[in-house]
Amino acid sequence: MITLSLFAILYFLPTILAGRRGHDILAPLLLNTLFGWTVIGWVALLLWALMSDPPYYFVPYNYPPNYRPR
């Protein structure tokens, strides 16, 4: 049972990494389910998850006028 769990984690590793890096996981999940069984598809998905830049969100914050960083 542990072996099956490890194989499932390894199979969906590109999807897990894409989700951890902040990407939307729908596309990697569908592609991993359809093409992950081929070695080329799995490696391509892994490279896509690792090499694409995650979304960057900038949230401006207005400090009070008398704020001084320590």
PDB file of N, CA and C in Angstrom:
ATOM      1  N   MET A   1       0.822  -1.194   0.000  1.00  0.00           N
ATOM      2  CA  MET A   1       0.000   0.000   0.000  1.00  0.00           C
ATOM      3  C   MET A   1       0.864   1.256   0.000  1.00  0.00           C
ATOM      4  N   ILE A   2       1.953   1.209   0.752  1.00  0.00           N
ATOM      5  CA  ILE A   2       2.863   2.359   0.780  1.00  0.00           C
ATOM      6  C   ILE A   2       3.512   2.551  -0.588  1.00  0.00           C
ATOM      7  N   THR A   3       3.847   1.454  -1.233  1.00  0.00           N
ATOM      8  CA  THR A   3       4.463   1.532  -2.555  1.00  0.00           C
ATOM      9  C   THR A   3       3.506   2.178  -3.556  1.00  0.00           C
ATOM     10  N   LEU A   4       2.254   1.808  -3.511  1.00  0.00           N
ATOM     11  CA  LEU A   4       1.263   2.397  -4.404  1.00  0.00           C
ATOM     12  C   LEU A   4       1.105   3.893  -4.146  1.00  0.00           C
ATOM     13  N   SER A   5       1.143   4.284  -2.882  1.00  0.00           N
ATOM     14  CA  SER A   5       1.056   5.711  -2.538  1.00  0.00           C
ATOM     15  C   SER A   5       2.267   6.474  -3.055  1.00  0.00           C
ATOM     16  N   LEU A   6       3.448   5.892  -2.925  1.00  0.00           N
ATOM     17  CA  LEU A   6       4.663   6.546  -3.420  1.00  0.00           C
ATOM     18  C   LEU A   6       4.641   6.678  -4.943  1.00  0.00           C
ATOM     19  N   PHE A   7       4.161   5.649  -5.633  1.00  0.00           N
ATOM     20  CA  PHE A   7       4.044   5.729  -7.090  1.00  0.00           C
ATOM     21  C   PHE A   7       3.033   6.795  -7.513  1.00  0.00           C
ATOM     22  N   ALA A   8       1.945   6.925  -6.783  1.00  0.00           N
ATOM     23  CA  ALA A   8       0.943   7.954  -7.101  1.00  0.00           C
ATOM     24  C   ALA A   8       1.528   9.345  -6.889  1.00  0.00           C
ATOM     25  N   ILE A   9       2.282   9.541  -5.819  1.00  0.00           N
ATOM     26  CA  ILE A   9       2.923  10.836  -5.568  1.00  0.00           C
ATOM     27  C   ILE A   9       3.952  11.136  -6.649  1.00  0.00           C
ATOM     28  N   LEU A  10       4.729  10.143  -7.028  1.00  0.00           N
ATOM     29  CA  LEU A  10       5.723  10.333  -8.079  1.00  0.00           C
ATOM     30  C   LEU A  10       5.052  10.620  -9.421  1.00  0.00           C
ATOM     31  N   TYR A  11       3.949   9.947  -9.718  1.00  0.00           N
ATOM     32  CA  TYR A  11       3.235  10.152 -10.977  1.00  0.00           C
ATOM     33  C   TYR A  11       2.684  11.570 -11.065  1.00  0.00           C
ATOM     34  N   PHE A  12       2.135  12.075  -9.970  1.00  0.00           N
ATOM     35  CA  PHE A  12       1.549  13.410  -9.970  1.00  0.00           C
ATOM     36  C   PHE A  12       2.512  14.476  -9.453  1.00  0.00           C
ATOM     37  N   LEU A  13       3.790  14.197  -9.426  1.00  0.00           N
ATOM     38  CA  LEU A  13       4.783  15.164  -8.965  1.00  0.00           C
ATOM     39  C   LEU A  13       4.755  16.474  -9.759  1.00  0.00           C
ATOM     40  N   PRO A  14       4.644  16.467 -11.097  1.00  0.00           N
ATOM     41  CA  PRO A  14       4.559  17.749 -11.808  1.00  0.00           C
ATOM     42  C   PRO A  14       3.359  18.598 -11.378  1.00  0.00           C
ATOM     43  N   THR A  15       2.222  17.971 -11.154  1.00  0.00           N
ATOM     44  CA  THR A  15       1.041  18.703 -10.707  1.00  0.00           C
ATOM     45  C   THR A  15       1.239  19.244  -9.299  1.00  0.00           C
ATOM     46  N   ILE A  16       1.833  18.449  -8.438  1.00  0.00           N
ATOM     47  CA  ILE A  16       2.091  18.887  -7.061  1.00  0.00           C
ATOM     48  C   ILE A  16       3.049  20.067  -7.052  1.00  0.00           C
ATOM     49  N   LEU A  17       4.105  19.989  -7.840  1.00  0.00           N
ATOM     50  CA  LEU A  17       5.076  21.085  -7.886  1.00  0.00           C
ATOM     51  C   LEU A  17       4.466  22.353  -8.475  1.00  0.00           C
ATOM     52  N   ALA A  18       3.654  22.207  -9.499  1.00  0.00           N
ATOM     53  CA  ALA A  18       3.002  23.382 -10.090  1.00  0.00           C
ATOM     54  C   ALA A  18       2.076  24.046  -9.073  1.00  0.00           C
ATOM     55  N   GLY A  19       1.352  23.258  -8.324  1.00  0.00           N
ATOM     56  CA  GLY A  19       0.475  23.820  -7.293  1.00  0.00           C
ATOM     57  C   GLY A  19       1.250  24.486  -6.168  1.00  0.00           C
ATOM     58  N   ARG A  20       2.371  23.900  -5.778  1.00  0.00           N
ATOM     59  CA  ARG A  20       3.182  24.481  -4.707  1.00  0.00           C
ATOM     60  C   ARG A  20       3.860  25.776  -5.140  1.00  0.00           C
ATOM     61  N   ARG A  21       4.093  25.922  -6.447  1.00  0.00           N
ATOM     62  CA  ARG A  21       4.726  27.140  -6.955  1.00  0.00           C
ATOM     63  C   ARG A  21       3.715  28.237  -7.256  1.00  0.00           C
ATOM     64  N   GLY A  22       2.433  27.999  -6.982  1.00  0.00           N
ATOM     65  CA  GLY A  22       1.432  29.038  -7.115  1.00  0.00           C
ATOM     66  C   GLY A  22       0.709  29.072  -8.446  1.00  0.00           C
ATOM     67  N   HIS A  23       0.856  28.062  -9.259  1.00  0.00           N
ATOM     68  CA  HIS A  23       0.174  28.022 -10.546  1.00  0.00           C
ATOM     69  C   HIS A  23      -1.227  27.449 -10.388  1.00  0.00           C
ATOM     70  N   ASP A  24      -2.062  27.725 -11.374  1.00  0.00           N
ATOM     71  CA  ASP A  24      -3.352  27.064 -11.448  1.00  0.00           C
ATOM     72  C   ASP A  24      -3.086  25.606 -11.811  1.00  0.00           C
ATOM     73  N   ILE A  25      -3.685  24.663 -11.098  1.00  0.00           N
ATOM     74  CA  ILE A  25      -3.313  23.268 -11.297  1.00  0.00           C
ATOM     75  C   ILE A  25      -4.234  22.506 -12.237  1.00  0.00           C
ATOM     76  N   LEU A  26      -5.228  23.163 -12.813  1.00  0.00           N
ATOM     77  CA  LEU A  26      -6.160  22.444 -13.673  1.00  0.00           C
ATOM     78  C   LEU A  26      -5.472  21.907 -14.928  1.00  0.00           C
ATOM     79  N   ALA A  27      -4.724  22.737 -15.630  1.00  0.00           N
ATOM     80  CA  ALA A  27      -4.056  22.296 -16.856  1.00  0.00           C
ATOM     81  C   ALA A  27      -3.000  21.225 -16.567  1.00  0.00           C
ATOM     82  N   PRO A  28      -2.106  21.421 -15.586  1.00  0.00           N
ATOM     83  CA  PRO A  28      -1.146  20.343 -15.313  1.00  0.00           C
ATOM     84  C   PRO A  28      -1.816  19.042 -14.864  1.00  0.00           C
ATOM     85  N   LEU A  29      -2.911  19.144 -14.120  1.00  0.00           N
ATOM     86  CA  LEU A  29      -3.600  17.937 -13.670  1.00  0.00           C
ATOM     87  C   LEU A  29      -4.199  17.170 -14.844  1.00  0.00           C
ATOM     88  N   LEU A  30      -4.857  17.882 -15.748  1.00  0.00           N
ATOM     89  CA  LEU A  30      -5.443  17.210 -16.918  1.00  0.00           C
ATOM     90  C   LEU A  30      -4.362  16.616 -17.821  1.00  0.00           C
ATOM     91  N   LEU A  31      -3.316  17.394 -18.087  1.00  0.00           N
ATOM     92  CA  LEU A  31      -2.247  16.888 -18.951  1.00  0.00           C
ATOM     93  C   LEU A  31      -1.485  15.748 -18.294  1.00  0.00           C
ATOM     94  N   ASN A  32      -1.300  15.826 -16.989  1.00  0.00           N
ATOM     95  CA  ASN A  32      -0.619  14.750 -16.286  1.00  0.00           C
ATOM     96  C   ASN A  32      -1.460  13.482 -16.305  1.00  0.00           C
ATOM     97  N   THR A  33      -2.759  13.635 -16.179  1.00  0.00           N
ATOM     98  CA  THR A  33      -3.634  12.462 -16.213  1.00  0.00           C
ATOM     99  C   THR A  33      -3.636  11.828 -17.606  1.00  0.00           C
ATOM    100  N   LEU A  34      -3.627  12.661 -18.656  1.00  0.00           N
ATOM    101  CA  LEU A  34      -3.694  12.131 -20.016  1.00  0.00           C
ATOM    102  C   LEU A  34      -2.347  11.670 -20.561  1.00  0.00           C
ATOM    103  N   PHE A  35      -1.282  12.428 -20.297  1.00  0.00           N
ATOM    104  CA  PHE A  35       0.010  12.144 -20.922  1.00  0.00           C
ATOM    105  C   PHE A  35       1.107  11.774 -19.928  1.00  0.00           C
ATOM    106  N   GLY A  36       0.790  11.696 -18.647  1.00  0.00           N
ATOM    107  CA  GLY A  36       1.806  11.383 -17.657  1.00  0.00           C
ATOM    108  C   GLY A  36       2.319   9.967 -17.739  1.00  0.00           C
ATOM    109  N   TRP A  37       1.551   9.063 -18.331  1.00  0.00           N
ATOM    110  CA  TRP A  37       1.986   7.673 -18.432  1.00  0.00           C
ATOM    111  C   TRP A  37       3.111   7.507 -19.433  1.00  0.00           C
ATOM    112  N   THR A  38       3.288   8.467 -20.350  1.00  0.00           N
ATOM    113  CA  THR A  38       4.439   8.422 -21.247  1.00  0.00           C
ATOM    114  C   THR A  38       5.591   9.131 -20.558  1.00  0.00           C
ATOM    115  N   VAL A  39       6.757   8.630 -20.718  1.00  0.00           N
ATOM    116  CA  VAL A  39       7.925   9.226 -20.061  1.00  0.00           C
ATOM    117  C   VAL A  39       8.171  10.621 -20.594  1.00  0.00           C
ATOM    118  N   ILE A  40       8.003  10.798 -21.895  1.00  0.00           N
ATOM    119  CA  ILE A  40       8.234  12.115 -22.501  1.00  0.00           C
ATOM    120  C   ILE A  40       7.220  13.129 -21.968  1.00  0.00           C
ATOM    121  N   GLY A  41       5.965  12.735 -21.875  1.00  0.00           N
ATOM    122  CA  GLY A  41       4.936  13.636 -21.350  1.00  0.00           C
ATOM    123  C   GLY A  41       5.182  13.997 -19.902  1.00  0.00           C
ATOM    124  N   TRP A  42       5.598  13.022 -19.093  1.00  0.00           N
ATOM    125  CA  TRP A  42       5.858  13.283 -17.676  1.00  0.00           C
ATOM    126  C   TRP A  42       7.046  14.227 -17.503  1.00  0.00           C
ATOM    127  N   VAL A  43       8.119  13.997 -18.258  1.00  0.00           N
ATOM    128  CA  VAL A  43       9.300  14.866 -18.176  1.00  0.00           C
ATOM    129  C   VAL A  43       8.963  16.266 -18.676  1.00  0.00           C
ATOM    130  N   ALA A  44       8.182  16.378 -19.744  1.00  0.00           N
ATOM    131  CA  ALA A  44       7.793  17.695 -20.262  1.00  0.00           C
ATOM    132  C   ALA A  44       6.958  18.453 -19.228  1.00  0.00           C
ATOM    133  N   LEU A  45       6.035  17.767 -18.570  1.00  0.00           N
ATOM    134  CA  LEU A  45       5.230  18.412 -17.531  1.00  0.00           C
ATOM    135  C   LEU A  45       6.079  18.820 -16.339  1.00  0.00           C
ATOM    136  N   LEU A  46       7.043  17.993 -15.978  1.00  0.00           N
ATOM    137  CA  LEU A  46       7.928  18.333 -14.869  1.00  0.00           C
ATOM    138  C   LEU A  46       8.758  19.573 -15.197  1.00  0.00           C
ATOM    139  N   LEU A  47       9.282  19.637 -16.406  1.00  0.00           N
ATOM    140  CA  LEU A  47      10.048  20.816 -16.812  1.00  0.00           C
ATOM    141  C   LEU A  47       9.162  22.055 -16.867  1.00  0.00           C
ATOM    142  N   TRP A  48       7.947  21.904 -17.341  1.00  0.00           N
ATOM    143  CA  TRP A  48       7.006  23.023 -17.396  1.00  0.00           C
ATOM    144  C   TRP A  48       6.723  23.544 -15.986  1.00  0.00           C
ATOM    145  N   ALA A  49       6.535  22.642 -15.046  1.00  0.00           N
ATOM    146  CA  ALA A  49       6.237  23.051 -13.672  1.00  0.00           C
ATOM    147  C   ALA A  49       7.433  23.724 -13.015  1.00  0.00           C
ATOM    148  N   LEU A  50       8.639  23.276 -13.333  1.00  0.00           N
ATOM    149  CA  LEU A  50       9.829  23.823 -12.682  1.00  0.00           C
ATOM    150  C   LEU A  50      10.350  25.091 -13.351  1.00  0.00           C
ATOM    151  N   MET A  51      10.200  25.213 -14.657  1.00  0.00           N
ATOM    152  CA  MET A  51      10.828  26.331 -15.359  1.00  0.00           C
ATOM    153  C   MET A  51       9.913  27.526 -15.562  1.00  0.00           C
ATOM    154  N   SER A  52       8.627  27.360 -15.465  1.00  0.00           N
ATOM    155  CA  SER A  52       7.741  28.507 -15.651  1.00  0.00           C
ATOM    156  C   SER A  52       7.713  29.347 -14.379  1.00  0.00           C
ATOM    157  N   ASP A  53       7.619  30.645 -14.565  1.00  0.00           N
ATOM    158  CA  ASP A  53       7.607  31.553 -13.430  1.00  0.00           C
ATOM    159  C   ASP A  53       6.236  31.557 -12.777  1.00  0.00           C
ATOM    160  N   PRO A  54       6.208  31.437 -11.456  1.00  0.00           N
ATOM    161  CA  PRO A  54       4.911  31.528 -10.788  1.00  0.00           C
ATOM    162  C   PRO A  54       4.382  32.954 -10.848  1.00  0.00           C
ATOM    163  N   PRO A  55       3.093  33.143 -10.720  1.00  0.00           N
ATOM    164  CA  PRO A  55       2.551  34.502 -10.755  1.00  0.00           C
ATOM    165  C   PRO A  55       3.073  35.328  -9.592  1.00  0.00           C
ATOM    166  N   TYR A  56       3.334  36.585  -9.866  1.00  0.00           N
ATOM    167  CA  TYR A  56       3.868  37.496  -8.858  1.00  0.00           C
ATOM    168  C   TYR A  56       2.817  38.557  -8.593  1.00  0.00           C
ATOM    169  N   TYR A  57       2.414  38.665  -7.362  1.00  0.00           N
ATOM    170  CA  TYR A  57       1.410  39.649  -6.985  1.00  0.00           C
ATOM    171  C   TYR A  57       2.060  40.723  -6.134  1.00  0.00           C
ATOM    172  N   PHE A  58       1.871  41.971  -6.517  1.00  0.00           N
ATOM    173  CA  PHE A  58       2.389  43.091  -5.755  1.00  0.00           C
ATOM    174  C   PHE A  58       1.224  43.773  -5.070  1.00  0.00           C
ATOM    175  N   VAL A  59       1.305  43.855  -3.762  1.00  0.00           N
ATOM    176  CA  VAL A  59       0.252  44.505  -2.990  1.00  0.00           C
ATOM    177  C   VAL A  59       0.866  45.747  -2.351  1.00  0.00           C
ATOM    178  N   PRO A  60       0.529  46.928  -2.855  1.00  0.00           N
ATOM    179  CA  PRO A  60       1.103  48.142  -2.276  1.00  0.00           C
ATOM    180  C   PRO A  60       0.536  48.396  -0.875  1.00  0.00           C
ATOM    181  N   TYR A  61       1.371  48.973  -0.060  1.00  0.00           N
ATOM    182  CA  TYR A  61       0.960  49.286   1.296  1.00  0.00           C
ATOM    183  C   TYR A  61       1.420  50.700   1.610  1.00  0.00           C
ATOM    184  N   ASN A  62       0.525  51.523   2.039  1.00  0.00           N
ATOM    185  CA  ASN A  62       0.869  52.895   2.393  1.00  0.00           C
ATOM    186  C   ASN A  62       1.177  52.954   3.884  1.00  0.00           C
ATOM    187  N   TYR A  63       2.422  53.276   4.177  1.00  0.00           N
ATOM    188  CA  TYR A  63       2.820  53.405   5.567  1.00  0.00           C
ATOM    189  C   TYR A  63       2.357  54.751   6.111  1.00  0.00           C
ATOM    190  N   PRO A  64       2.136  54.843   7.396  1.00  0.00           N
ATOM    191  CA  PRO A  64       1.775  56.134   7.981  1.00  0.00           C
ATOM    192  C   PRO A  64       2.934  57.133   7.823  1.00  0.00           C
ATOM    193  N   PRO A  65       2.649  58.427   7.821  1.00  0.00           N
ATOM    194  CA  PRO A  65       3.706  59.425   7.590  1.00  0.00           C
ATOM    195  C   PRO A  65       4.814  59.401   8.635  1.00  0.00           C
ATOM    196  N   ASN A  66       4.511  59.005   9.870  1.00  0.00           N
ATOM    197  CA  ASN A  66       5.546  59.026  10.905  1.00  0.00           C
ATOM    198  C   ASN A  66       6.211  57.659  11.101  1.00  0.00           C
ATOM    199  N   TYR A  67       6.067  56.724  10.144  1.00  0.00           N
ATOM    200  CA  TYR A  67       6.644  55.373  10.261  1.00  0.00           C
ATOM    201  C   TYR A  67       8.118  55.416   9.926  1.00  0.00           C
ATOM    202  N   ARG A  68       8.935  54.810  10.796  1.00  0.00           N
ATOM    203  CA  ARG A  68      10.361  54.665  10.540  1.00  0.00           C
ATOM    204  C   ARG A  68      10.735  53.201  10.759  1.00  0.00           C
ATOM    205  N   PRO A  69      11.315  52.552   9.735  1.00  0.00           N
ATOM    206  CA  PRO A  69      11.720  51.156   9.936  1.00  0.00           C
ATOM    207  C   PRO A  69      12.865  51.042  10.934  1.00  0.00           C
ATOM    208  N   ARG A  70      12.891  49.997  11.682  1.00  0.00           N
ATOM    209  CA  ARG A  70      13.948  49.798  12.701  1.00  0.00           C
ATOM    210  C   ARG A  70      15.106  49.052  12.153  1.00  0.00           C
TER     211      ARG A  70
END
